[in-house]
Every structure is written in structure tokens, then in C-alpha cells.
Amino acid sequence: MAIRTPARRRIAPIVARLVARAQAQGALRRDLRVTDMPLLQLMVGAIIDVSRDVEPELWRRFLGLLLDGLRADRDEAHPLPADALSLDQLATAMAAWRPPRA
């Protein structure tokens, strides 16, 4: 499948070089593929969408979890930059989620 938008065509080779460089330096897990990156971005974006009215900075917590999981050397977990939601906040955030339109 071809990359459809001009912006994606421009950024894809840049992201590919960054991923390759980080893997060559041993900083990024070897099994990550450049095609994983847009989907990881969508994951964080979904968190932003559902939590912005409850805790606008929550995305930082999940980005921290995501980045720790992408590290090649994960002997120690890094501190997360935001707290977890309370059960009430979680209920409010989950209620804000809407499935994508078909």
C-alpha cells in the first residue's frame, strides 16, 4: 500500500532514519518497525481525546509508559510524568469515548 498524503510521504523517510539510528545505537527495541509509529501516535491521540476534559495532561503518563516499552534496555522503569486517573475520572473519560464512524 502506498503512502497517500504528501505530508506522510515527506515524514516517512525521516521517521525511518530516526528509528534505524536509535536501533543501531541500541536505544530502541530491535523489533519496532517504522510502520508501528503512526499507530502509536494514534494511541496517544485517543488518550488525549477521551481525557482532555478530565485530566488534560494524562497523555504524558501514557507516553511515558509507551516510551519505556520502546527502550531496548528496560532494566529500570522511568518515573511517569503524570498520575493515574481516579476511578471517577476514569469513568468520565471512558464515557467521552465515541467509536469511530464507519
C-alpha atoms as a PDB file:
ATOM      1  CA  MET A   1       0.000   0.000   0.000  1.00  0.00           C
ATOM      2  CA  ALA A   2       1.382   3.364  -0.985  1.00  0.00           C
ATOM      3  CA  ILE A   3       1.652   6.332   1.381  1.00  0.00           C
ATOM      4  CA  ARG A   4      -1.244   8.528   0.323  1.00  0.00           C
ATOM      5  CA  THR A   5      -0.707  12.044   1.620  1.00  0.00           C
ATOM      6  CA  PRO A   6       2.167  14.377   0.735  1.00  0.00           C
ATOM      7  CA  ALA A   7       2.900  15.025   4.420  1.00  0.00           C
ATOM      8  CA  ARG A   8       3.185  11.308   5.143  1.00  0.00           C
ATOM      9  CA  ARG A   9       5.420  10.819   2.118  1.00  0.00           C
ATOM     10  CA  ARG A  10       7.760  13.531   3.427  1.00  0.00           C
ATOM     11  CA  ILE A  11       7.861  12.391   7.040  1.00  0.00           C
ATOM     12  CA  ALA A  12       8.061   8.608   6.498  1.00  0.00           C
ATOM     13  CA  PRO A  13      11.744   8.569   5.426  1.00  0.00           C
ATOM     14  CA  ILE A  14      12.693  10.897   8.299  1.00  0.00           C
ATOM     15  CA  VAL A  15      10.983   8.622  10.831  1.00  0.00           C
ATOM     16  CA  ALA A  16      12.603   5.583   9.194  1.00  0.00           C
ATOM     17  CA  ARG A  17      16.058   7.154   9.613  1.00  0.00           C
ATOM     18  CA  LEU A  18      15.368   8.070  13.259  1.00  0.00           C
ATOM     19  CA  VAL A  19      14.158   4.550  14.052  1.00  0.00           C
ATOM     20  CA  ALA A  20      17.140   2.961  12.294  1.00  0.00           C
ATOM     21  CA  ARG A  21      19.601   5.265  14.079  1.00  0.00           C
ATOM     22  CA  ALA A  22      18.081   4.616  17.513  1.00  0.00           C
ATOM     23  CA  GLN A  23      18.117   0.871  16.883  1.00  0.00           C
ATOM     24  CA  ALA A  24      21.726   0.978  15.669  1.00  0.00           C
ATOM     25  CA  GLN A  25      22.707   2.834  18.861  1.00  0.00           C
ATOM     26  CA  GLY A  26      20.944   0.200  20.964  1.00  0.00           C
ATOM     27  CA  ALA A  27      18.424   2.653  22.392  1.00  0.00           C
ATOM     28  CA  LEU A  28      15.308   1.325  20.657  1.00  0.00           C
ATOM     29  CA  ARG A  29      13.981  -2.222  20.656  1.00  0.00           C
ATOM     30  CA  ARG A  30      15.054  -4.112  17.549  1.00  0.00           C
ATOM     31  CA  ASP A  31      11.583  -5.430  16.707  1.00  0.00           C
ATOM     32  CA  LEU A  32       9.975  -1.990  16.343  1.00  0.00           C
ATOM     33  CA  ARG A  33       9.057  -1.185  12.752  1.00  0.00           C
ATOM     34  CA  VAL A  34       8.590   2.237  11.226  1.00  0.00           C
ATOM     35  CA  THR A  35       5.003   1.273  10.404  1.00  0.00           C
ATOM     36  CA  ASP A  36       4.339   0.973  14.153  1.00  0.00           C
ATOM     37  CA  MET A  37       4.942   4.677  14.684  1.00  0.00           C
ATOM     38  CA  PRO A  38       1.714   6.155  13.232  1.00  0.00           C
ATOM     39  CA  LEU A  39      -0.355   3.661  15.213  1.00  0.00           C
ATOM     40  CA  LEU A  40       1.489   4.516  18.415  1.00  0.00           C
ATOM     41  CA  GLN A  41       0.711   8.162  17.696  1.00  0.00           C
ATOM     42  CA  LEU A  42      -2.970   7.263  17.247  1.00  0.00           C
ATOM     43  CA  MET A  43      -2.942   5.501  20.624  1.00  0.00           C
ATOM     44  CA  VAL A  44      -1.678   8.598  22.406  1.00  0.00           C
ATOM     45  CA  GLY A  45      -4.083  10.761  20.407  1.00  0.00           C
ATOM     46  CA  ALA A  46      -7.020   8.629  21.528  1.00  0.00           C
ATOM     47  CA  ILE A  47      -5.996   9.171  25.155  1.00  0.00           C
ATOM     48  CA  ILE A  48      -5.833  12.917  24.538  1.00  0.00           C
ATOM     49  CA  ASP A  49      -9.330  12.827  23.030  1.00  0.00           C
ATOM     50  CA  VAL A  50     -11.018  10.962  25.879  1.00  0.00           C
ATOM     51  CA  SER A  51      -9.225  12.606  28.798  1.00  0.00           C
ATOM     52  CA  ARG A  52      -8.872  16.268  27.808  1.00  0.00           C
ATOM     53  CA  ASP A  53     -11.893  17.363  29.891  1.00  0.00           C
ATOM     54  CA  VAL A  54     -10.934  15.182  32.874  1.00  0.00           C
ATOM     55  CA  GLU A  55      -7.135  15.481  33.044  1.00  0.00           C
ATOM     56  CA  PRO A  56      -5.541  17.304  30.094  1.00  0.00           C
ATOM     57  CA  GLU A  57      -2.030  16.123  30.984  1.00  0.00           C
ATOM     58  CA  LEU A  58      -2.890  12.405  31.244  1.00  0.00           C
ATOM     59  CA  TRP A  59      -1.418  11.716  27.804  1.00  0.00           C
ATOM     60  CA  ARG A  60       2.016  12.373  29.308  1.00  0.00           C
ATOM     61  CA  ARG A  61       1.617   9.342  31.598  1.00  0.00           C
ATOM     62  CA  PHE A  62       0.836   7.035  28.706  1.00  0.00           C
ATOM     63  CA  LEU A  63       3.549   8.489  26.515  1.00  0.00           C
ATOM     64  CA  GLY A  64       5.963   7.721  29.375  1.00  0.00           C
ATOM     65  CA  LEU A  65       4.710   4.126  29.556  1.00  0.00           C
ATOM     66  CA  LEU A  66       4.952   3.821  25.793  1.00  0.00           C
ATOM     67  CA  LEU A  67       8.478   5.217  25.615  1.00  0.00           C
ATOM     68  CA  ASP A  68       9.662   2.922  28.402  1.00  0.00           C
ATOM     69  CA  GLY A  69       8.253  -0.020  26.461  1.00  0.00           C
ATOM     70  CA  LEU A  70      10.121   1.039  23.324  1.00  0.00           C
ATOM     71  CA  ARG A  71      13.508   1.173  25.034  1.00  0.00           C
ATOM     72  CA  ALA A  72      15.940  -1.592  24.201  1.00  0.00           C
ATOM     73  CA  ASP A  73      17.298  -1.642  27.762  1.00  0.00           C
ATOM     74  CA  ARG A  74      14.475  -1.680  30.285  1.00  0.00           C
ATOM     75  CA  ASP A  75      16.207  -2.772  33.485  1.00  0.00           C
ATOM     76  CA  GLU A  76      14.517   0.049  35.378  1.00  0.00           C
ATOM     77  CA  ALA A  77      11.198   1.760  34.831  1.00  0.00           C
ATOM     78  CA  HIS A  78      11.416   5.513  34.479  1.00  0.00           C
ATOM     79  CA  PRO A  79       9.186   7.749  36.632  1.00  0.00           C
ATOM     80  CA  LEU A  80       5.895   8.610  34.968  1.00  0.00           C
ATOM     81  CA  PRO A  81       5.214  12.309  34.370  1.00  0.00           C
ATOM     82  CA  ALA A  82       1.540  12.188  35.441  1.00  0.00           C
ATOM     83  CA  ASP A  83      -0.579  10.349  37.989  1.00  0.00           C
ATOM     84  CA  ALA A  84      -3.153   7.714  37.128  1.00  0.00           C
ATOM     85  CA  LEU A  85      -6.803   8.739  36.991  1.00  0.00           C
ATOM     86  CA  SER A  86      -9.105   8.138  39.926  1.00  0.00           C
ATOM     87  CA  LEU A  87     -11.970   5.703  39.326  1.00  0.00           C
ATOM     88  CA  ASP A  88     -14.376   8.648  38.919  1.00  0.00           C
ATOM     89  CA  GLN A  89     -12.075  10.366  36.431  1.00  0.00           C
ATOM     90  CA  LEU A  90     -11.705   7.109  34.512  1.00  0.00           C
ATOM     91  CA  ALA A  91     -15.483   6.701  34.311  1.00  0.00           C
ATOM     92  CA  THR A  92     -15.838  10.259  32.984  1.00  0.00           C
ATOM     93  CA  ALA A  93     -13.054   9.789  30.431  1.00  0.00           C
ATOM     94  CA  MET A  94     -14.433   6.448  29.225  1.00  0.00           C
ATOM     95  CA  ALA A  95     -17.897   7.961  28.844  1.00  0.00           C
ATOM     96  CA  ALA A  96     -16.393  10.554  26.490  1.00  0.00           C
ATOM     97  CA  TRP A  97     -15.082   7.895  24.101  1.00  0.00           C
ATOM     98  CA  ARG A  98     -17.026   7.531  20.878  1.00  0.00           C
ATOM     99  CA  PRO A  99     -16.365   4.750  18.391  1.00  0.00           C
ATOM    100  CA  PRO A 100     -15.134   5.937  15.006  1.00  0.00           C
ATOM    101  CA  ARG A 101     -17.744   6.343  12.320  1.00  0.00           C
ATOM    102  CA  ALA A 102     -17.765   3.650   9.680  1.00  0.00           C
END
